[in-house]
Protein backbone atom coordinates (compact mmCIF):
# COMPACT_ATOMS: atom_id res chain seq x y z
CA UNK A 1 -71.20 10.89 -33.62
CA UNK A 2 -69.45 11.75 -36.91
CA UNK A 3 -69.14 15.42 -35.75
CA UNK A 4 -67.90 14.28 -32.26
CA UNK A 5 -64.92 12.14 -34.00
CA UNK A 6 -64.04 14.95 -36.30
CA UNK A 7 -64.04 17.66 -33.28
CA UNK A 8 -61.95 14.84 -31.11
CA UNK A 9 -59.46 14.59 -33.96
CA UNK A 10 -59.43 18.40 -34.26
CA UNK A 11 -58.66 18.68 -30.76
CA UNK A 12 -56.06 16.01 -30.72
CA UNK A 13 -53.99 17.88 -33.79
CA UNK A 14 -54.55 21.39 -32.05
CA UNK A 15 -52.99 19.98 -28.84
CA UNK A 16 -50.08 18.19 -30.76
CA UNK A 17 -49.23 21.34 -32.54
CA UNK A 18 -49.54 23.28 -29.32
CA UNK A 19 -47.09 20.83 -27.61
CA UNK A 20 -44.61 21.10 -30.62
CA UNK A 21 -44.93 25.08 -30.19
CA UNK A 22 -43.82 24.77 -26.66
CA UNK A 23 -40.84 22.33 -27.29
CA UNK A 24 -39.70 24.84 -29.67
CA UNK A 25 -40.01 27.64 -27.53
CA UNK A 26 -38.07 25.71 -25.05
CA UNK A 27 -35.23 25.15 -27.69
CA UNK A 28 -35.54 29.07 -28.53
CA UNK A 29 -34.73 29.55 -24.61
CA UNK A 30 -31.64 27.23 -24.37
CA UNK A 31 -29.99 27.44 -27.43
CA UNK A 32 -30.66 30.35 -29.97
CA UNK A 33 -27.77 32.80 -29.67
CA UNK A 34 -25.44 30.36 -27.63
CA UNK A 35 -22.49 31.05 -29.92
CA UNK A 36 -22.25 34.78 -28.24
CA UNK A 37 -19.18 35.30 -26.51
CA UNK A 38 -18.68 34.37 -22.90
CA UNK A 39 -19.98 36.42 -20.36
CA UNK A 40 -18.03 38.01 -17.43
CA UNK A 41 -19.88 35.43 -15.08
CA UNK A 42 -18.68 32.09 -13.91
CA UNK A 43 -18.70 30.38 -16.85
CA UNK A 44 -15.38 31.91 -17.75
CA UNK A 45 -13.90 29.96 -14.74
CA UNK A 46 -15.33 26.91 -15.91
CA UNK A 47 -14.25 27.42 -19.46
CA UNK A 48 -10.83 27.88 -18.08
CA UNK A 49 -10.84 24.63 -16.14
CA UNK A 50 -12.61 23.07 -19.44
CA UNK A 51 -9.54 23.96 -21.33
CA UNK A 52 -7.50 22.32 -18.86
CA UNK A 53 -9.12 19.20 -19.33
CA UNK A 54 -8.95 19.54 -23.06
CA UNK A 55 -5.43 20.65 -23.63
CA UNK A 56 -3.73 19.41 -21.04
CA UNK A 57 -5.39 16.06 -20.32
CA UNK A 58 -6.20 17.31 -16.51
CA UNK A 59 -9.18 15.09 -15.99
CA UNK A 60 -8.73 14.32 -12.03
CA UNK A 61 -6.97 17.62 -11.41
CA UNK A 62 -7.87 20.44 -13.89
CA UNK A 63 -5.92 23.91 -13.28
CA UNK A 64 -7.18 27.29 -13.35
CA UNK A 65 -4.83 30.30 -13.61
CA UNK A 66 -2.04 27.69 -13.37
CA UNK A 67 -3.03 26.46 -10.11
CA UNK A 68 -5.09 22.98 -9.02
CA UNK A 69 -8.58 23.52 -9.14
CA UNK A 70 -10.65 21.75 -6.22
CA UNK A 71 -13.44 23.83 -5.71
CA UNK A 72 -15.57 21.18 -7.31
CA UNK A 73 -15.68 17.67 -8.90
CA UNK A 74 -14.95 18.54 -12.65
CA UNK A 75 -17.93 16.26 -13.94
CA UNK A 76 -19.51 18.88 -15.63
CA UNK A 77 -16.09 20.21 -17.19
CA UNK A 78 -15.37 16.47 -18.26
CA UNK A 79 -19.21 16.82 -20.48
CA UNK A 80 -17.98 20.21 -21.71
CA UNK A 81 -14.45 18.74 -22.94
CA UNK A 82 -16.03 16.16 -24.60
CA UNK A 83 -18.53 18.71 -26.57
CA UNK A 84 -15.31 20.96 -27.34
CA UNK A 85 -13.54 17.75 -28.73
CA UNK A 86 -16.24 16.68 -30.84
CA UNK A 87 -17.78 20.21 -31.90
CA UNK A 88 -13.87 22.29 -31.57
CA UNK A 89 -13.67 24.82 -29.12
CA UNK A 90 -15.83 27.78 -29.17
CA UNK A 91 -18.31 29.66 -26.80
CA UNK A 92 -21.39 27.64 -27.73
CA UNK A 93 -19.64 24.22 -27.17
CA UNK A 94 -18.76 25.50 -23.40
CA UNK A 95 -22.43 26.24 -23.31
CA UNK A 96 -23.98 23.11 -24.82
CA UNK A 97 -24.00 20.75 -22.11
CA UNK A 98 -25.86 23.56 -19.72
CA UNK A 99 -28.08 24.08 -22.77
CA UNK A 100 -29.07 20.42 -23.03
CA UNK A 101 -29.25 20.36 -19.34
CA UNK A 102 -31.84 23.36 -19.33
CA UNK A 103 -33.81 21.69 -22.20
CA UNK A 104 -34.06 18.63 -20.22
CA UNK A 105 -35.57 20.60 -17.13
CA UNK A 106 -38.27 22.01 -19.41
CA UNK A 107 -39.22 18.62 -20.43
CA UNK A 108 -39.24 17.03 -17.09
CA UNK A 109 -41.02 19.97 -15.64
CA UNK A 110 -44.01 19.47 -18.17
CA UNK A 111 -43.62 15.57 -17.49
CA UNK A 112 -43.82 15.73 -13.51
CA UNK A 113 -46.65 18.43 -13.81
CA UNK A 114 -48.72 16.15 -15.98
CA UNK A 115 -47.75 13.01 -13.88
CA UNK A 116 -48.95 15.09 -10.62
CA UNK A 117 -52.38 15.35 -12.36
CA UNK A 118 -52.03 18.73 -14.11
CA UNK A 119 -53.94 19.10 -17.20
CA UNK A 120 -52.09 20.01 -20.78
CA UNK A 121 -52.37 23.56 -20.44
CA UNK A 122 -51.55 23.79 -16.81
CA UNK A 123 -48.42 21.70 -17.51
CA UNK A 124 -47.66 24.16 -20.58
CA UNK A 125 -48.10 27.19 -18.33
CA UNK A 126 -45.70 25.56 -15.97
CA UNK A 127 -43.14 25.28 -18.44
CA UNK A 128 -43.69 28.99 -19.92
CA UNK A 129 -43.78 30.49 -16.32
CA UNK A 130 -40.25 28.69 -15.80
CA UNK A 131 -38.86 29.97 -19.03
CA UNK A 132 -39.84 33.63 -18.13
CA UNK A 133 -37.60 33.40 -15.00
CA UNK A 134 -34.71 35.72 -16.00
CA UNK A 135 -32.53 34.26 -13.36
CA UNK A 136 -33.22 30.55 -14.17
CA UNK A 137 -32.22 31.47 -17.87
CA UNK A 138 -29.65 33.70 -17.75
CA UNK A 139 -27.73 34.32 -14.42
CA UNK A 140 -25.61 31.49 -14.15
CA UNK A 141 -28.70 29.47 -15.56
CA UNK A 142 -29.31 27.55 -18.72
CA UNK A 143 -27.68 29.57 -20.97
CA UNK A 144 -24.41 30.12 -19.00
CA UNK A 145 -21.47 27.23 -19.21
CA UNK A 146 -21.80 26.93 -15.41
CA UNK A 147 -22.61 24.21 -12.95
CA UNK A 148 -26.22 25.20 -12.17
CA UNK A 149 -28.16 24.30 -15.07
CA UNK A 150 -26.66 20.40 -14.74
CA UNK A 151 -27.34 20.37 -11.01
CA UNK A 152 -30.91 21.25 -11.45
CA UNK A 153 -31.37 19.05 -13.99
CA UNK A 154 -30.29 16.16 -11.93
CA UNK A 155 -32.21 17.54 -8.65
CA UNK A 156 -35.73 17.30 -10.92
CA UNK A 157 -34.85 14.23 -12.12
CA UNK A 158 -34.35 12.74 -8.84
CA UNK A 159 -37.59 14.41 -7.78
CA UNK A 160 -39.21 12.86 -10.93
CA UNK A 161 -37.99 9.21 -10.09
CA UNK A 162 -39.05 9.59 -6.20
CA UNK A 163 -42.83 10.49 -7.72
CA UNK A 164 -42.87 7.55 -10.08
CA UNK A 165 -41.39 5.17 -7.40
CA UNK A 166 -44.30 6.02 -5.31
CA UNK A 167 -46.57 3.89 -7.47
CA UNK A 168 -44.13 1.14 -8.27
CA UNK A 169 -44.58 -2.13 -5.93
CA UNK A 170 -41.26 -3.50 -7.35
CA UNK A 171 -38.30 -4.30 -5.16
CA UNK A 172 -35.78 -2.92 -7.73
CA UNK A 173 -37.17 -0.96 -10.41
CA UNK A 174 -35.97 1.44 -13.36
CA UNK A 175 -37.12 4.72 -11.19
CA UNK A 176 -35.17 3.48 -8.02
CA UNK A 177 -31.81 3.22 -10.40
CA UNK A 178 -32.65 6.80 -12.11
CA UNK A 179 -32.92 8.23 -8.46
CA UNK A 180 -29.80 6.69 -7.40
CA UNK A 181 -28.08 7.92 -10.45
CA UNK A 182 -29.49 11.18 -10.42
CA UNK A 183 -28.60 11.89 -6.88
CA UNK A 184 -25.31 10.83 -7.36
CA UNK A 185 -24.79 13.05 -10.74
CA UNK A 186 -26.20 16.03 -8.73
CA UNK A 187 -23.07 15.66 -6.13
CA UNK A 188 -20.67 15.37 -9.13
CA UNK A 189 -22.22 18.54 -10.77
CA UNK A 190 -21.95 20.95 -7.62
CA UNK A 191 -20.82 18.83 -4.43
CA UNK A 192 -23.12 19.87 -1.68
CA UNK A 193 -25.89 21.47 -3.63
CA UNK A 194 -26.78 17.98 -4.64
CA UNK A 195 -27.66 17.01 -1.11
CA UNK A 196 -30.93 19.19 -1.51
CA UNK A 197 -32.30 15.76 -3.07
CA UNK A 198 -32.61 14.19 0.29
CA UNK A 199 -35.13 16.55 1.78
CA UNK A 200 -37.08 16.89 -1.68
CA UNK A 201 -37.41 13.07 -1.65
CA UNK A 202 -37.98 12.28 1.83
CA UNK A 203 -41.33 15.14 1.47
CA UNK A 204 -42.35 12.76 -1.28
CA UNK A 205 -42.10 9.77 0.56
CA UNK A 206 -43.65 10.97 3.87
CA UNK A 207 -46.67 12.99 2.45
CA UNK A 208 -49.53 10.95 1.92
CA UNK A 209 -47.43 8.02 0.30
CA UNK A 210 -49.34 5.75 -2.25
CA UNK A 211 -48.18 2.61 -0.12
CA UNK A 212 -47.71 2.40 3.61
CA UNK A 213 -44.62 4.30 5.45
CA UNK A 214 -42.93 0.99 6.39
CA UNK A 215 -39.52 0.25 7.87
CA UNK A 216 -38.58 -1.37 4.76
CA UNK A 217 -39.70 1.71 2.40
CA UNK A 218 -37.47 3.81 4.73
CA UNK A 219 -34.79 1.35 4.68
CA UNK A 220 -34.80 1.31 1.13
CA UNK A 221 -34.45 5.08 0.99
CA UNK A 222 -31.52 5.10 3.45
CA UNK A 223 -29.70 1.91 1.42
CA UNK A 224 -30.19 3.93 -2.14
CA UNK A 225 -28.74 7.20 -0.16
CA UNK A 226 -25.76 5.20 0.83
CA UNK A 227 -25.32 3.95 -2.60
CA UNK A 228 -25.33 7.39 -4.18
CA UNK A 229 -23.20 8.92 -1.85
CA UNK A 230 -20.60 6.04 -2.31
CA UNK A 231 -20.50 7.06 -6.10
CA UNK A 232 -18.21 9.93 -5.84
CA UNK A 233 -15.69 7.79 -4.34
CA UNK A 234 -14.98 6.58 -8.05
CA UNK A 235 -13.73 9.87 -8.78
CA UNK A 236 -11.95 10.74 -5.29
CA UNK A 237 -10.00 7.50 -4.77
CA UNK A 238 -7.93 7.41 -8.12
CA UNK A 239 -7.77 11.36 -8.00
CA UNK A 240 -6.21 11.15 -4.20
CA UNK A 241 -4.16 8.72 -4.96
CA UNK A 242 -2.44 10.07 -7.61
CA UNK A 243 -2.67 13.63 -6.18
CA UNK A 244 -2.64 13.44 -2.39
CA UNK A 245 -3.01 17.20 -2.25
CA UNK A 246 -6.41 17.06 -3.41
CA UNK A 247 -7.23 15.60 -0.09
CA UNK A 248 -4.89 17.93 2.24
CA UNK A 249 -5.48 21.08 -0.09
CA UNK A 250 -8.55 20.45 -1.78
CA UNK A 251 -11.08 18.80 0.64
CA UNK A 252 -9.59 20.27 3.79
CA UNK A 253 -8.64 23.71 3.01
CA UNK A 254 -10.63 24.53 -0.23
CA UNK A 255 -13.89 23.23 0.82
CA UNK A 256 -13.51 24.65 4.50
CA UNK A 257 -12.79 27.75 3.04
CA UNK A 258 -15.59 28.01 0.73
CA UNK A 259 -17.83 27.39 3.35
CA UNK A 260 -16.78 30.25 5.64
CA UNK A 261 -17.12 32.46 2.59
CA UNK A 262 -19.68 35.61 3.30
CA UNK A 263 -20.43 36.75 -0.40
CA UNK A 264 -23.85 38.77 -0.12
CA UNK A 265 -24.29 38.14 3.65
CA UNK A 266 -24.78 41.55 4.70
CA UNK A 267 -28.01 41.32 2.61
CA UNK A 268 -29.71 39.59 5.21
CA UNK A 269 -31.92 36.05 5.55
CA UNK A 270 -34.55 38.25 3.58
CA UNK A 271 -32.50 38.63 0.40
CA UNK A 272 -34.28 35.78 -1.47
CA UNK A 273 -37.53 36.91 -0.48
CA UNK A 274 -37.05 40.35 -1.80
CA UNK A 275 -35.68 38.85 -5.09
CA UNK A 276 -38.68 36.79 -5.62
CA UNK A 277 -41.14 39.70 -6.31
CA UNK A 278 -39.22 41.69 -8.30
CA UNK A 279 -40.39 42.00 -12.13
CA UNK A 280 -39.79 38.65 -13.72
CA UNK A 281 -36.71 37.83 -11.94
CA UNK A 282 -37.95 34.70 -10.93
CA UNK A 283 -41.59 34.77 -11.41
CA UNK A 284 -44.13 37.07 -12.73
CA UNK A 285 -43.99 40.17 -10.45
CA UNK A 286 -45.46 40.09 -6.95
CA UNK A 287 -47.47 36.91 -7.93
CA UNK A 288 -45.37 34.16 -6.05
CA UNK A 289 -47.20 35.39 -2.97
CA UNK A 290 -50.69 35.02 -3.75
CA UNK A 291 -50.01 31.85 -5.74
CA UNK A 292 -47.86 30.30 -3.05
CA UNK A 293 -50.67 31.43 -0.27
CA UNK A 294 -53.32 29.86 -2.25
CA UNK A 295 -51.49 26.35 -2.36
CA UNK A 296 -50.69 26.34 1.06
CA UNK A 297 -54.54 26.86 1.61
CA UNK A 298 -55.10 24.04 -0.75
CA UNK A 299 -52.54 21.91 0.85
CA UNK A 300 -55.06 21.97 3.87
CA UNK A 301 -58.40 21.78 2.30
CA UNK A 302 -57.30 18.85 -0.59
CA UNK A 303 -56.47 15.34 -0.59
CA UNK A 304 -54.05 16.00 -3.80
CA UNK A 305 -50.44 15.08 -2.33
CA UNK A 306 -48.74 17.36 -4.87
CA UNK A 307 -49.59 20.86 -3.22
CA UNK A 308 -47.97 20.04 0.22
CA UNK A 309 -45.11 18.41 -1.84
CA UNK A 310 -44.67 21.39 -4.27
CA UNK A 311 -45.12 23.90 -1.10
CA UNK A 312 -42.39 22.33 1.01
CA UNK A 313 -40.27 21.67 -1.79
CA UNK A 314 -40.38 25.32 -2.70
CA UNK A 315 -40.08 26.47 1.06
CA UNK A 316 -37.18 23.79 1.69
CA UNK A 317 -34.69 25.41 -1.03
CA UNK A 318 -35.72 29.15 -0.31
CA UNK A 319 -35.29 29.02 3.55
CA UNK A 320 -32.14 26.83 3.36
CA UNK A 321 -30.21 29.19 1.07
CA UNK A 322 -31.57 32.22 3.27
CA UNK A 323 -29.30 30.95 5.94
CA UNK A 324 -26.34 30.04 4.47
CA UNK A 325 -22.76 32.11 4.68
CA UNK A 326 -23.10 32.76 0.98
CA UNK A 327 -26.02 34.31 -0.93
CA UNK A 328 -26.31 34.44 -4.66
CA UNK A 329 -29.56 34.71 -6.81
CA UNK A 330 -29.48 31.79 -8.70
CA UNK A 331 -28.68 29.52 -5.49
CA UNK A 332 -32.46 29.18 -5.22
CA UNK A 333 -32.97 28.27 -8.93
CA UNK A 334 -34.03 24.39 -7.59
CA UNK A 335 -37.22 25.95 -6.00
CA UNK A 336 -38.16 27.81 -9.61
CA UNK A 337 -39.61 24.67 -11.09
CA UNK A 338 -41.75 23.71 -8.19
CA UNK A 339 -43.11 27.44 -8.00
CA UNK A 340 -43.71 27.10 -11.65
CA UNK A 341 -45.49 23.86 -11.43
CA UNK A 342 -47.76 25.88 -8.55
CA UNK A 343 -48.60 28.31 -11.01
CA UNK A 344 -50.24 25.59 -13.35
CA UNK A 345 -51.98 23.82 -10.36
CA UNK A 346 -53.63 27.10 -9.49
CA UNK A 347 -54.68 27.68 -13.13
CA UNK A 348 -56.11 24.22 -13.29
CA UNK A 349 -57.95 24.38 -9.79
CA UNK A 350 -59.26 27.98 -10.45
CA UNK A 351 -60.62 26.65 -13.85
CA UNK A 352 -62.10 23.80 -12.52
CA UNK A 353 -63.99 25.88 -10.01
CA UNK A 354 -65.19 28.06 -12.62
CA UNK A 355 -66.36 25.46 -15.09
CA UNK A 356 -68.20 23.32 -12.31
CA UNK A 357 -69.52 25.65 -10.07
CA UNK A 358 -70.02 29.08 -12.13
CA UNK A 359 -74.06 29.04 -11.53
CA UNK A 360 -73.83 28.72 -7.89
CA UNK A 361 -70.98 30.84 -7.33
CA UNK A 362 -71.54 34.59 -6.38
CA UNK A 363 -71.18 37.05 -9.30
CA UNK A 364 -68.18 38.81 -7.65
CA UNK A 365 -66.50 35.69 -7.20
CA UNK A 366 -66.68 34.92 -10.58
CA UNK A 367 -65.40 37.88 -11.61
CA UNK A 368 -62.78 37.55 -9.29
CA UNK A 369 -61.65 34.28 -10.65
CA UNK A 370 -61.40 35.33 -14.24
CA UNK A 371 -59.42 38.37 -13.17
CA UNK A 372 -56.96 35.73 -11.26
CA UNK A 373 -56.99 33.55 -14.55
CA UNK A 374 -56.20 36.51 -16.85
CA UNK A 375 -53.41 37.69 -14.39
CA UNK A 376 -51.54 34.35 -14.67
CA UNK A 377 -51.64 34.20 -18.26
CA UNK A 378 -50.59 37.87 -18.44
CA UNK A 379 -47.83 37.15 -16.21
CA UNK A 380 -46.45 33.92 -17.94
CA UNK A 381 -46.65 35.89 -21.34
CA UNK A 382 -44.97 38.78 -20.12
CA UNK A 383 -42.30 36.96 -18.65
CA UNK A 384 -41.87 34.86 -22.02
CA UNK A 385 -41.57 38.19 -23.92
CA UNK A 386 -38.90 39.28 -21.75
CA UNK A 387 -37.21 36.22 -22.29
CA UNK A 388 -37.35 35.93 -25.90
CA UNK A 389 -36.27 39.71 -26.39
CA UNK A 390 -33.15 39.12 -23.81
CA UNK A 391 -32.42 35.80 -26.03
CA UNK A 392 -32.68 37.60 -29.24
CA UNK A 393 -30.17 40.06 -28.01
CA UNK A 394 -28.01 37.35 -26.07
CA UNK A 395 -24.88 38.46 -28.12
CA UNK A 396 -24.70 41.88 -26.65
CA UNK A 397 -23.30 40.24 -23.45
CA UNK A 398 -19.37 40.27 -23.80
CA UNK A 399 -16.27 39.99 -21.98
CA UNK A 400 -14.44 42.71 -24.19
CA UNK A 401 -16.57 45.77 -25.77
CA UNK A 402 -14.94 44.48 -28.99
CA UNK A 403 -15.12 40.33 -28.16
CA UNK A 404 -12.64 37.50 -29.45
CA UNK A 405 -15.43 36.59 -31.67
CA UNK A 406 -14.81 40.11 -33.42
CA UNK A 407 -11.42 39.72 -33.53
CA UNK A 408 -11.67 36.62 -35.42
CA UNK A 409 -14.24 37.75 -37.49
CA UNK A 410 -12.42 40.64 -38.85
CA UNK A 411 -8.91 39.32 -39.07
CA UNK A 412 -9.27 35.74 -39.40
CA UNK A 413 -6.44 33.36 -37.70
CA UNK A 414 -4.50 35.66 -35.38
CA UNK A 415 -1.40 35.28 -33.27
CA UNK A 416 -1.97 36.32 -29.82
CA UNK A 417 0.82 37.89 -27.84
CA UNK A 418 0.65 38.50 -23.88
CA UNK A 419 3.29 41.39 -23.10
CA UNK A 420 4.83 40.34 -19.76
CA UNK A 421 2.54 38.78 -17.06
CA UNK A 422 -0.10 41.17 -16.13
CA UNK A 423 -2.25 40.76 -13.45
CA UNK A 424 -5.53 39.82 -15.31
CA UNK A 425 -9.05 39.53 -14.26
CA UNK A 426 -10.04 36.06 -14.71
CA UNK A 427 -12.33 37.34 -17.66
CA UNK A 428 -9.54 38.71 -19.53
CA UNK A 429 -7.37 35.65 -18.77
CA UNK A 430 -10.37 33.21 -20.38
CA UNK A 431 -10.52 35.67 -23.52
CA UNK A 432 -6.72 35.59 -24.20
CA UNK A 433 -6.98 31.34 -23.71
CA UNK A 434 -9.78 31.60 -26.38
CA UNK A 435 -7.93 33.47 -28.83
CA UNK A 436 -4.85 30.97 -28.55
CA UNK A 437 -4.69 28.07 -25.88
CA UNK A 438 -0.95 28.92 -25.06
CA UNK A 439 -0.27 32.78 -26.03
CA UNK A 440 3.32 33.86 -26.60
CA UNK A 441 4.91 35.63 -23.85
CA UNK A 442 7.16 38.54 -24.86
CA UNK A 443 8.86 41.12 -22.33
CA UNK A 444 10.65 43.58 -24.88
CA UNK A 445 9.96 45.59 -28.02
CA UNK A 446 12.53 43.53 -29.66
CA UNK A 447 10.76 40.11 -28.96
CA UNK A 448 7.61 41.63 -29.94
CA UNK A 449 9.22 43.14 -33.57
CA UNK A 450 10.81 39.61 -33.51
CA UNK A 451 7.27 37.56 -33.39
CA UNK A 452 5.48 40.44 -35.64
CA UNK A 453 8.32 39.62 -38.48
CA UNK A 454 7.28 35.90 -38.42
CA UNK A 455 3.27 36.39 -38.14
CA UNK A 456 2.56 39.46 -40.01
CA UNK A 457 -0.31 39.99 -37.42
CA UNK A 458 -0.62 40.03 -33.63
CA UNK A 459 -3.03 40.83 -30.95
CA UNK A 460 -0.87 42.33 -28.04
CA UNK A 461 -2.44 42.02 -24.64
CA UNK A 462 -1.09 43.90 -21.73
CA UNK A 463 -1.13 46.58 -19.37
CA UNK A 464 -2.12 49.64 -20.74
CA UNK A 465 0.55 51.73 -19.02
CA UNK A 466 3.39 49.23 -20.34
CA UNK A 467 1.81 49.14 -23.98
CA UNK A 468 1.88 53.10 -24.05
CA UNK A 469 5.43 53.32 -22.86
CA UNK A 470 6.33 50.97 -25.95
CA UNK A 471 5.27 53.87 -28.06
CA UNK A 472 3.82 51.55 -30.81
CA UNK A 473 3.01 54.55 -33.08
CA UNK A 474 6.52 54.87 -33.82
CA UNK A 475 5.99 51.58 -36.01
CA UNK A 476 3.81 53.08 -38.83
CA UNK A 477 6.50 52.65 -41.23
CA UNK A 478 6.63 49.09 -41.15
CA UNK A 479 3.49 48.09 -39.12
CA UNK A 480 0.15 49.52 -38.27
CA UNK A 481 -0.99 49.37 -34.47
CA UNK A 482 -4.49 49.93 -34.17
CA UNK A 483 -5.78 51.98 -31.34
CA UNK A 484 -6.18 49.88 -28.03
CA UNK A 485 -9.64 48.06 -27.61
CA UNK A 486 -11.52 48.69 -24.87
CA UNK A 487 -11.77 45.98 -22.26
CA UNK A 488 -13.90 45.77 -18.85
CA UNK A 489 -10.53 46.06 -16.95
CA UNK A 490 -9.40 49.72 -17.41
CA UNK A 491 -5.86 48.56 -16.81
CA UNK A 492 -5.89 46.21 -19.63
CA UNK A 493 -5.29 47.03 -23.48
CA UNK A 494 -5.72 45.01 -26.49
CA UNK A 495 -3.85 45.94 -29.70
CA UNK A 496 -4.04 44.61 -33.03
CA UNK A 497 -0.63 45.09 -34.96
CA UNK A 498 -0.03 44.07 -38.25
CA UNK A 499 2.39 44.51 -41.45
CA UNK A 500 1.56 47.88 -43.47
CA UNK A 501 0.44 47.18 -46.65
CA UNK A 502 2.52 48.73 -49.38
């Protein structure tokens, strides 16, 4: 008995230590190296919008490139602006809300897997598989200051609340409130993308519910849906009352225009299917097909309701976005937690078969099962290694070859001058704003010299051809002009000018 107690105590400590390591791994994926300069992805756009909220106080109608920004409700920008206000504006504060959302997704994926009946190891394998998805972590994912990580957090929170609500007999419960708020926040995060909550919740309600599927259950779901859909009016009513063009331009024109976009449409409905089998892009290479096929087979043969729920959850997201007009890889990120949990479920199922029926199984089937379990582990570890290396090198992703961070580290506080009004790309515009919230605009060599006389050191950003015509090298007697710093946009030059010493 004493030996059994000691063994049980040791097992408990090992499991606790393993869980702590898993949490630390998730924290590494989300937070390490997020101080890197903003990438040329959509996060530059959202950083620009957040700066409008923060510096100009435009909470209801933020601006982008001097024009009102109507594409999304600025909920995520509000959250990012709060962090920027508390901790100061920097790339990592623009990303912090997204990183926190990603950390929450990892925790909720583990919690949902455990609630569905997976073992601790199966749930941990699901989280590791999720962390190995390069698109989910990097490409507009949890390490980018974009809208997708908050959207996915609220989606999985709604799914978790719907699952927990199945066994709650109370008329009004915390899970019902959590579902309503999660659904509303999902719509606040990415507008129509939040509507994915409806089919995912309907699947949980309809498939083998814990209580009979009565009119009151369906009616309660409809009432909660109406409440959640009404909550965005808290934003729209005062915003439209103050800015009527939010309706005439934002809703009528902007949203309709975005619906008609054809980005990546030429890639066809099979775009996401081809993406899913690329090495560690979403899942371990080529493994999603056998895992999903096995899960469909188990959905037919078993009574556990999580098999069909996870399969339909995964299918609904992939199929729905395969036929919309716009196709980007990260659009199907809401399906990745479901697919990751399926990896853990398959592990548990095969392990259970091997432990209970090993003596009665043919030798070839035992070998095949062991190989399948080994492949699952190797795939998850491979994805984790790929993520670990990418996170470690995350600061290599830059807007400029020599970044804003480099300029500040080398020259300290610098003044910024924008020469004329060049047609910058959005990435360059945001990099300028990261240097100086309101850069000085100069239109002649004389104005530039006047600014230099006042400041002593200035970063000049403008069209390369225009700066070449100024012949700044002639200033070497009084000032030093460093060679232009390369940028992503070859039409743009970034020059550092300072007073010559001595």
